[in-house]
All heavy atoms as atom14 arrays in JSON, in Angstrom:
{
  "sequence": "LQNSSVITVVDFTKSSREKRMWIIDILNKKLLLNTLVAH",
  "atom14_mask": [
    [1, 1, 1, 1, 1, 1, 1, 1, 0, 0, 0, 0, 0, 0],
    [1, 1, 1, 1, 1, 1, 1, 1, 1, 0, 0, 0, 0, 0],
    [1, 1, 1, 1, 1, 1, 1, 1, 0, 0, 0, 0, 0, 0],
    [1, 1, 1, 1, 1, 1, 0, 0, 0, 0, 0, 0, 0, 0],
    [1, 1, 1, 1, 1, 1, 0, 0, 0, 0, 0, 0, 0, 0],
    [1, 1, 1, 1, 1, 1, 1, 0, 0, 0, 0, 0, 0, 0],
    [1, 1, 1, 1, 1, 1, 1, 1, 0, 0, 0, 0, 0, 0],
    [1, 1, 1, 1, 1, 1, 1, 0, 0, 0, 0, 0, 0, 0],
    [1, 1, 1, 1, 1, 1, 1, 0, 0, 0, 0, 0, 0, 0],
    [1, 1, 1, 1, 1, 1, 1, 0, 0, 0, 0, 0, 0, 0],
    [1, 1, 1, 1, 1, 1, 1, 1, 0, 0, 0, 0, 0, 0],
    [1, 1, 1, 1, 1, 1, 1, 1, 1, 1, 1, 0, 0, 0],
    [1, 1, 1, 1, 1, 1, 1, 0, 0, 0, 0, 0, 0, 0],
    [1, 1, 1, 1, 1, 1, 1, 1, 1, 0, 0, 0, 0, 0],
    [1, 1, 1, 1, 1, 1, 0, 0, 0, 0, 0, 0, 0, 0],
    [1, 1, 1, 1, 1, 1, 0, 0, 0, 0, 0, 0, 0, 0],
    [1, 1, 1, 1, 1, 1, 1, 1, 1, 1, 1, 0, 0, 0],
    [1, 1, 1, 1, 1, 1, 1, 1, 1, 0, 0, 0, 0, 0],
    [1, 1, 1, 1, 1, 1, 1, 1, 1, 0, 0, 0, 0, 0],
    [1, 1, 1, 1, 1, 1, 1, 1, 1, 1, 1, 0, 0, 0],
    [1, 1, 1, 1, 1, 1, 1, 1, 0, 0, 0, 0, 0, 0],
    [1, 1, 1, 1, 1, 1, 1, 1, 1, 1, 1, 1, 1, 1],
    [1, 1, 1, 1, 1, 1, 1, 1, 0, 0, 0, 0, 0, 0],
    [1, 1, 1, 1, 1, 1, 1, 1, 0, 0, 0, 0, 0, 0],
    [1, 1, 1, 1, 1, 1, 1, 1, 0, 0, 0, 0, 0, 0],
    [1, 1, 1, 1, 1, 1, 1, 1, 0, 0, 0, 0, 0, 0],
    [1, 1, 1, 1, 1, 1, 1, 1, 0, 0, 0, 0, 0, 0],
    [1, 1, 1, 1, 1, 1, 1, 1, 0, 0, 0, 0, 0, 0],
    [1, 1, 1, 1, 1, 1, 1, 1, 1, 0, 0, 0, 0, 0],
    [1, 1, 1, 1, 1, 1, 1, 1, 1, 0, 0, 0, 0, 0],
    [1, 1, 1, 1, 1, 1, 1, 1, 0, 0, 0, 0, 0, 0],
    [1, 1, 1, 1, 1, 1, 1, 1, 0, 0, 0, 0, 0, 0],
    [1, 1, 1, 1, 1, 1, 1, 1, 0, 0, 0, 0, 0, 0],
    [1, 1, 1, 1, 1, 1, 1, 1, 0, 0, 0, 0, 0, 0],
    [1, 1, 1, 1, 1, 1, 1, 0, 0, 0, 0, 0, 0, 0],
    [1, 1, 1, 1, 1, 1, 1, 1, 0, 0, 0, 0, 0, 0],
    [1, 1, 1, 1, 1, 1, 1, 0, 0, 0, 0, 0, 0, 0],
    [1, 1, 1, 1, 1, 0, 0, 0, 0, 0, 0, 0, 0, 0],
    [1, 1, 1, 1, 1, 1, 1, 1, 1, 1, 0, 0, 0, 0]
  ],
  "atom14_positions": [
    [[71.16, 2.36, -104.17], [69.73, 2.66, -104.07], [69.45, 4.13, -104.32], [70.16, 5.0, -103.84], [69.21, 2.3, -102.67], [69.43, 0.87, -102.21], [68.96, 0.71, -100.78], [68.7, -0.09, -103.13], [0.0, 0.0, 0.0], [0.0, 0.0, 0.0], [0.0, 0.0, 0.0], [0.0, 0.0, 0.0], [0.0, 0.0, 0.0], [0.0, 0.0, 0.0]],
    [[68.36, 4.38, -105.05], [67.87, 5.76, -105.18], [66.76, 5.99, -104.17], [66.56, 7.1, -103.72], [67.37, 6.03, -106.6], [68.49, 6.13, -107.6], [67.98, 6.37, -109.01], [66.78, 6.43, -109.27], [68.9, 6.48, -109.94], [0.0, 0.0, 0.0], [0.0, 0.0, 0.0], [0.0, 0.0, 0.0], [0.0, 0.0, 0.0], [0.0, 0.0, 0.0]],
    [[66.02, 4.94, -103.84], [64.94, 5.03, -102.86], [65.12, 3.9, -101.87], [64.78, 2.76, -102.16], [63.58, 4.94, -103.56], [62.42, 5.02, -102.6], [62.6, 5.03, -101.38], [61.23, 5.09, -103.13], [0.0, 0.0, 0.0], [0.0, 0.0, 0.0], [0.0, 0.0, 0.0], [0.0, 0.0, 0.0], [0.0, 0.0, 0.0], [0.0, 0.0, 0.0]],
    [[65.66, 4.2, -100.71], [65.94, 3.15, -99.74], [64.8, 2.94, -98.75], [64.9, 2.12, -97.85], [67.23, 3.46, -98.98], [67.12, 4.69, -98.3], [0.0, 0.0, 0.0], [0.0, 0.0, 0.0], [0.0, 0.0, 0.0], [0.0, 0.0, 0.0], [0.0, 0.0, 0.0], [0.0, 0.0, 0.0], [0.0, 0.0, 0.0], [0.0, 0.0, 0.0]],
    [[63.68, 3.65, -98.93], [62.58, 3.46, -97.98], [61.62, 2.36, -98.42], [60.83, 1.89, -97.63], [61.82, 4.77, -97.76], [61.13, 5.16, -98.93], [0.0, 0.0, 0.0], [0.0, 0.0, 0.0], [0.0, 0.0, 0.0], [0.0, 0.0, 0.0], [0.0, 0.0, 0.0], [0.0, 0.0, 0.0], [0.0, 0.0, 0.0], [0.0, 0.0, 0.0]],
    [[61.67, 1.95, -99.69], [60.74, 0.93, -100.19], [61.51, -0.36, -100.46], [62.57, -0.35, -101.07], [60.05, 1.4, -101.48], [59.22, 0.28, -102.1], [59.17, 2.61, -101.2], [0.0, 0.0, 0.0], [0.0, 0.0, 0.0], [0.0, 0.0, 0.0], [0.0, 0.0, 0.0], [0.0, 0.0, 0.0], [0.0, 0.0, 0.0], [0.0, 0.0, 0.0]],
    [[60.95, -1.47, -99.98], [61.52, -2.79, -100.24], [60.39, -3.72, -100.67], [59.28, -3.65, -100.14], [62.27, -3.35, -99.01], [62.94, -4.69, -99.34], [61.38, -3.44, -97.8], [63.9, -5.2, -98.29], [0.0, 0.0, 0.0], [0.0, 0.0, 0.0], [0.0, 0.0, 0.0], [0.0, 0.0, 0.0], [0.0, 0.0, 0.0], [0.0, 0.0, 0.0]],
    [[60.7, -4.55, -101.64], [59.76, -5.57, -102.1], [60.29, -6.93, -101.69], [61.46, -7.23, -101.9], [59.6, -5.52, -103.63], [59.19, -4.22, -104.01], [58.58, -6.55, -104.12], [0.0, 0.0, 0.0], [0.0, 0.0, 0.0], [0.0, 0.0, 0.0], [0.0, 0.0, 0.0], [0.0, 0.0, 0.0], [0.0, 0.0, 0.0], [0.0, 0.0, 0.0]],
    [[59.42, -7.75, -101.08], [59.8, -9.09, -100.67], [58.84, -10.07, -101.33], [57.61, -9.92, -101.24], [59.73, -9.26, -99.13], [60.03, -10.69, -98.73], [60.67, -8.28, -98.44], [0.0, 0.0, 0.0], [0.0, 0.0, 0.0], [0.0, 0.0, 0.0], [0.0, 0.0, 0.0], [0.0, 0.0, 0.0], [0.0, 0.0, 0.0], [0.0, 0.0, 0.0]],
    [[59.4, -11.07, -102.01], [58.64, -12.16, -102.61], [59.05, -13.42, -101.88], [60.24, -13.73, -101.79], [58.93, -12.27, -104.12], [58.25, -13.5, -104.71], [58.5, -11.0, -104.85], [0.0, 0.0, 0.0], [0.0, 0.0, 0.0], [0.0, 0.0, 0.0], [0.0, 0.0, 0.0], [0.0, 0.0, 0.0], [0.0, 0.0, 0.0], [0.0, 0.0, 0.0]],
    [[58.07, -14.16, -101.36], [58.37, -15.37, -100.6], [57.87, -16.6, -101.33], [56.7, -16.98, -101.22], [57.76, -15.29, -99.2], [58.21, -16.42, -98.3], [58.94, -17.32, -98.77], [57.84, -16.41, -97.12], [0.0, 0.0, 0.0], [0.0, 0.0, 0.0], [0.0, 0.0, 0.0], [0.0, 0.0, 0.0], [0.0, 0.0, 0.0], [0.0, 0.0, 0.0]],
    [[58.78, -17.23, -102.07], [58.42, -18.43, -102.83], [58.42, -19.69, -101.98], [58.33, -20.79, -102.52], [59.33, -18.58, -104.05], [58.99, -17.65, -105.19], [59.98, -17.23, -106.06], [57.7, -17.22, -105.41], [59.69, -16.4, -107.12], [57.38, -16.38, -106.46], [58.38, -15.97, -107.32], [0.0, 0.0, 0.0], [0.0, 0.0, 0.0], [0.0, 0.0, 0.0]],
    [[58.49, -19.57, -100.66], [58.25, -20.73, -99.81], [56.74, -20.92, -99.61], [56.32, -21.92, -99.05], [58.94, -20.61, -98.43], [58.34, -19.55, -97.69], [60.43, -20.38, -98.58], [0.0, 0.0, 0.0], [0.0, 0.0, 0.0], [0.0, 0.0, 0.0], [0.0, 0.0, 0.0], [0.0, 0.0, 0.0], [0.0, 0.0, 0.0], [0.0, 0.0, 0.0]],
    [[55.96, -19.97, -100.06], [54.5, -20.03, -99.95], [53.88, -20.53, -101.25], [54.45, -20.38, -102.33], [53.94, -18.65, -99.6], [54.41, -18.14, -98.25], [53.68, -16.88, -97.89], [53.94, -16.49, -96.45], [53.47, -17.46, -95.48], [0.0, 0.0, 0.0], [0.0, 0.0, 0.0], [0.0, 0.0, 0.0], [0.0, 0.0, 0.0], [0.0, 0.0, 0.0]],
    [[52.69, -21.07, -101.14], [51.93, -21.55, -102.28], [51.61, -20.4, -103.23], [51.39, -19.27, -102.79], [50.63, -22.17, -101.77], [49.68, -22.29, -102.8], [0.0, 0.0, 0.0], [0.0, 0.0, 0.0], [0.0, 0.0, 0.0], [0.0, 0.0, 0.0], [0.0, 0.0, 0.0], [0.0, 0.0, 0.0], [0.0, 0.0, 0.0], [0.0, 0.0, 0.0]],
    [[51.52, -20.7, -104.51], [51.14, -19.68, -105.49], [49.69, -19.22, -105.3], [49.29, -18.2, -105.85], [51.35, -20.18, -106.92], [50.41, -21.18, -107.27], [0.0, 0.0, 0.0], [0.0, 0.0, 0.0], [0.0, 0.0, 0.0], [0.0, 0.0, 0.0], [0.0, 0.0, 0.0], [0.0, 0.0, 0.0], [0.0, 0.0, 0.0], [0.0, 0.0, 0.0]],
    [[48.93, -19.96, -104.5], [47.55, -19.57, -104.21], [47.48, -18.45, -103.17], [46.41, -17.9, -102.93], [46.75, -20.78, -103.73], [46.66, -21.89, -104.77], [45.87, -23.08, -104.24], [46.37, -23.53, -102.96], [47.1, -24.62, -102.75], [47.43, -25.38, -103.77], [47.51, -24.96, -101.56], [0.0, 0.0, 0.0], [0.0, 0.0, 0.0], [0.0, 0.0, 0.0]],
    [[48.63, -18.14, -102.55], [48.68, -17.11, -101.51], [49.29, -15.82, -102.05], [50.1, -15.85, -102.97], [49.55, -17.59, -100.34], [49.02, -18.81, -99.64], [49.95, -19.24, -98.51], [50.18, -18.43, -97.6], [50.47, -20.37, -98.59], [0.0, 0.0, 0.0], [0.0, 0.0, 0.0], [0.0, 0.0, 0.0], [0.0, 0.0, 0.0], [0.0, 0.0, 0.0]],
    [[48.91, -14.73, -101.43], [49.54, -13.45, -101.74], [50.94, -13.5, -101.13], [51.09, -13.52, -99.92], [48.73, -12.3, -101.17], [47.39, -12.13, -101.85], [46.62, -10.97, -101.26], [45.3, -10.8, -102.0], [44.54, -9.65, -101.45], [0.0, 0.0, 0.0], [0.0, 0.0, 0.0], [0.0, 0.0, 0.0], [0.0, 0.0, 0.0], [0.0, 0.0, 0.0]],
    [[51.95, -13.54, -101.98], [53.3, -13.75, -101.49], [54.3, -12.69, -101.96], [55.49, -12.89, -101.93], [53.78, -15.16, -101.86], [53.69, -15.46, -103.34], [53.96, -16.9, -103.63], [53.91, -17.11, -105.09], [54.35, -18.18, -105.69], [54.87, -19.16, -104.98], [54.27, -18.29, -106.98], [0.0, 0.0, 0.0], [0.0, 0.0, 0.0], [0.0, 0.0, 0.0]],
    [[53.77, -11.54, -102.36], [54.6, -10.36, -102.64], [54.14, -9.24, -101.72], [52.95, -8.93, -101.64], [54.47, -9.9, -104.09], [55.22, -8.57, -104.37], [54.87, -7.86, -105.99], [56.14, -8.66, -106.96], [0.0, 0.0, 0.0], [0.0, 0.0, 0.0], [0.0, 0.0, 0.0], [0.0, 0.0, 0.0], [0.0, 0.0, 0.0], [0.0, 0.0, 0.0]],
    [[55.12, -8.66, -101.0], [54.85, -7.54, -100.13], [55.7, -6.36, -100.56], [56.92, -6.52, -100.77], [55.19, -7.87, -98.67], [54.35, -8.93, -98.07], [53.24, -8.76, -97.3], [54.56, -10.35, -98.14], [52.73, -9.99, -96.92], [53.53, -10.98, -97.42], [55.52, -11.15, -98.77], [53.43, -12.35, -97.3], [55.42, -12.52, -98.66], [54.39, -13.11, -97.93]],
    [[55.09, -5.2, -100.68], [55.83, -3.96, -100.92], [55.65, -3.13, -99.65], [54.53, -2.84, -99.25], [55.33, -3.21, -102.16], [55.43, -4.12, -103.39], [56.13, -1.92, -102.35], [54.84, -3.52, -104.66], [0.0, 0.0, 0.0], [0.0, 0.0, 0.0], [0.0, 0.0, 0.0], [0.0, 0.0, 0.0], [0.0, 0.0, 0.0], [0.0, 0.0, 0.0]],
    [[56.78, -2.81, -99.05], [56.78, -2.2, -97.72], [57.53, -0.87, -97.74], [58.62, -0.78, -98.3], [57.46, -3.15, -96.71], [56.79, -4.53, -96.74], [57.47, -2.56, -95.3], [57.64, -5.64, -96.2], [0.0, 0.0, 0.0], [0.0, 0.0, 0.0], [0.0, 0.0, 0.0], [0.0, 0.0, 0.0], [0.0, 0.0, 0.0], [0.0, 0.0, 0.0]],
    [[56.93, 0.13, -97.12], [57.62, 1.39, -96.87], [58.23, 1.25, -95.49], [57.54, 1.37, -94.48], [56.62, 2.55, -96.91], [57.26, 3.91, -96.63], [58.37, 3.96, -96.05], [56.63, 4.92, -96.98], [0.0, 0.0, 0.0], [0.0, 0.0, 0.0], [0.0, 0.0, 0.0], [0.0, 0.0, 0.0], [0.0, 0.0, 0.0], [0.0, 0.0, 0.0]],
    [[59.52, 0.94, -95.44], [60.16, 0.66, -94.15], [60.4, 1.92, -93.34], [60.43, 1.88, -92.12], [61.47, -0.16, -94.31], [62.46, 0.53, -95.23], [61.16, -1.55, -94.79], [63.8, -0.16, -95.33], [0.0, 0.0, 0.0], [0.0, 0.0, 0.0], [0.0, 0.0, 0.0], [0.0, 0.0, 0.0], [0.0, 0.0, 0.0], [0.0, 0.0, 0.0]],
    [[60.53, 3.06, -94.0], [60.72, 4.32, -93.3], [59.48, 4.68, -92.49], [59.57, 5.07, -91.33], [61.07, 5.44, -94.29], [61.43, 6.77, -93.69], [62.71, 6.67, -92.86], [61.62, 7.81, -94.8], [0.0, 0.0, 0.0], [0.0, 0.0, 0.0], [0.0, 0.0, 0.0], [0.0, 0.0, 0.0], [0.0, 0.0, 0.0], [0.0, 0.0, 0.0]],
    [[58.32, 4.52, -93.11], [57.05, 4.85, -92.44], [56.37, 3.64, -91.82], [55.25, 3.75, -91.34], [56.12, 5.54, -93.43], [56.67, 6.87, -93.87], [56.99, 7.72, -93.04], [56.83, 7.04, -95.18], [0.0, 0.0, 0.0], [0.0, 0.0, 0.0], [0.0, 0.0, 0.0], [0.0, 0.0, 0.0], [0.0, 0.0, 0.0], [0.0, 0.0, 0.0]],
    [[57.05, 2.46, -91.89], [56.53, 1.23, -91.3], [55.1, 0.95, -91.78], [54.17, 0.76, -90.99], [56.59, 1.28, -89.78], [58.02, 1.42, -89.27], [58.08, 1.52, -87.78], [59.53, 1.72, -87.37], [59.68, 2.0, -85.98], [0.0, 0.0, 0.0], [0.0, 0.0, 0.0], [0.0, 0.0, 0.0], [0.0, 0.0, 0.0], [0.0, 0.0, 0.0]],
    [[54.96, 0.91, -93.12], [53.63, 0.78, -93.72], [53.66, -0.25, -94.84], [54.54, -0.21, -95.71], [53.18, 2.13, -94.26], [51.82, 2.14, -94.86], [51.44, 3.54, -95.32], [50.07, 3.51, -95.97], [49.74, 4.81, -96.55], [0.0, 0.0, 0.0], [0.0, 0.0, 0.0], [0.0, 0.0, 0.0], [0.0, 0.0, 0.0], [0.0, 0.0, 0.0]],
    [[52.71, -1.17, -94.82], [52.54, -2.12, -95.91], [51.82, -1.39, -97.05], [50.7, -0.91, -96.87], [51.72, -3.34, -95.46], [51.42, -4.38, -96.52], [52.71, -5.01, -97.05], [50.49, -5.44, -95.97], [0.0, 0.0, 0.0], [0.0, 0.0, 0.0], [0.0, 0.0, 0.0], [0.0, 0.0, 0.0], [0.0, 0.0, 0.0], [0.0, 0.0, 0.0]],
    [[52.47, -1.32, -98.2], [51.89, -0.61, -99.34], [51.04, -1.53, -100.2], [50.05, -1.1, -100.77], [53.0, 0.02, -100.18], [53.89, 1.03, -99.45], [55.02, 1.51, -100.35], [53.06, 2.2, -98.93], [0.0, 0.0, 0.0], [0.0, 0.0, 0.0], [0.0, 0.0, 0.0], [0.0, 0.0, 0.0], [0.0, 0.0, 0.0], [0.0, 0.0, 0.0]],
    [[51.44, -2.81, -100.31], [50.71, -3.75, -101.13], [51.11, -5.18, -100.79], [52.28, -5.45, -100.54], [51.0, -3.49, -102.62], [50.25, -4.35, -103.65], [48.76, -4.04, -103.61], [50.81, -4.11, -105.05], [0.0, 0.0, 0.0], [0.0, 0.0, 0.0], [0.0, 0.0, 0.0], [0.0, 0.0, 0.0], [0.0, 0.0, 0.0], [0.0, 0.0, 0.0]],
    [[50.14, -6.06, -100.76], [50.35, -7.5, -100.62], [49.55, -8.14, -101.74], [48.33, -7.95, -101.81], [49.9, -7.97, -99.24], [50.02, -9.47, -99.03], [49.19, -10.07, -98.38], [51.08, -10.07, -99.53], [0.0, 0.0, 0.0], [0.0, 0.0, 0.0], [0.0, 0.0, 0.0], [0.0, 0.0, 0.0], [0.0, 0.0, 0.0], [0.0, 0.0, 0.0]],
    [[50.23, -8.87, -102.63], [49.54, -9.36, -103.82], [50.08, -10.71, -104.3], [51.12, -11.17, -103.83], [49.63, -8.3, -104.96], [48.74, -8.65, -106.0], [51.06, -8.17, -105.48], [0.0, 0.0, 0.0], [0.0, 0.0, 0.0], [0.0, 0.0, 0.0], [0.0, 0.0, 0.0], [0.0, 0.0, 0.0], [0.0, 0.0, 0.0], [0.0, 0.0, 0.0]],
    [[49.37, -11.3, -105.23], [49.79, -12.55, -105.87], [50.98, -12.28, -106.79], [51.1, -11.2, -107.36], [48.65, -13.12, -106.72], [47.38, -13.55, -105.97], [46.26, -13.82, -106.97], [47.65, -14.77, -105.12], [0.0, 0.0, 0.0], [0.0, 0.0, 0.0], [0.0, 0.0, 0.0], [0.0, 0.0, 0.0], [0.0, 0.0, 0.0], [0.0, 0.0, 0.0]],
    [[51.84, -13.29, -106.94], [52.98, -13.19, -107.85], [53.33, -14.6, -108.36], [53.31, -15.56, -107.6], [54.21, -12.51, -107.18], [54.69, -13.3, -105.98], [55.33, -12.28, -108.17], [0.0, 0.0, 0.0], [0.0, 0.0, 0.0], [0.0, 0.0, 0.0], [0.0, 0.0, 0.0], [0.0, 0.0, 0.0], [0.0, 0.0, 0.0], [0.0, 0.0, 0.0]],
    [[53.61, -14.68, -109.65], [53.94, -15.97, -110.28], [55.42, -16.29, -110.14], [56.25, -15.39, -110.01], [53.56, -15.93, -111.76], [0.0, 0.0, 0.0], [0.0, 0.0, 0.0], [0.0, 0.0, 0.0], [0.0, 0.0, 0.0], [0.0, 0.0, 0.0], [0.0, 0.0, 0.0], [0.0, 0.0, 0.0], [0.0, 0.0, 0.0], [0.0, 0.0, 0.0]],
    [[55.73, -17.58, -110.21], [57.12, -18.02, -110.3], [57.32, -18.7, -111.65], [56.36, -18.92, -112.4], [57.5, -18.95, -109.14], [56.67, -20.2, -109.03], [55.61, -20.3, -108.17], [56.76, -21.4, -109.66], [55.08, -21.5, -108.26], [55.76, -22.2, -109.16], [0.0, 0.0, 0.0], [0.0, 0.0, 0.0], [0.0, 0.0, 0.0], [0.0, 0.0, 0.0]]
  ]
}
């Protein structure tokens, strides 16, 4: 890793109609973005 404070999680157990991508700053405990993502 070059940047270990940011992690992206995509949860394909959820419907495509839901925002199922989260970009999280784990160092600062902050949600940076929650958005739709295709499979």
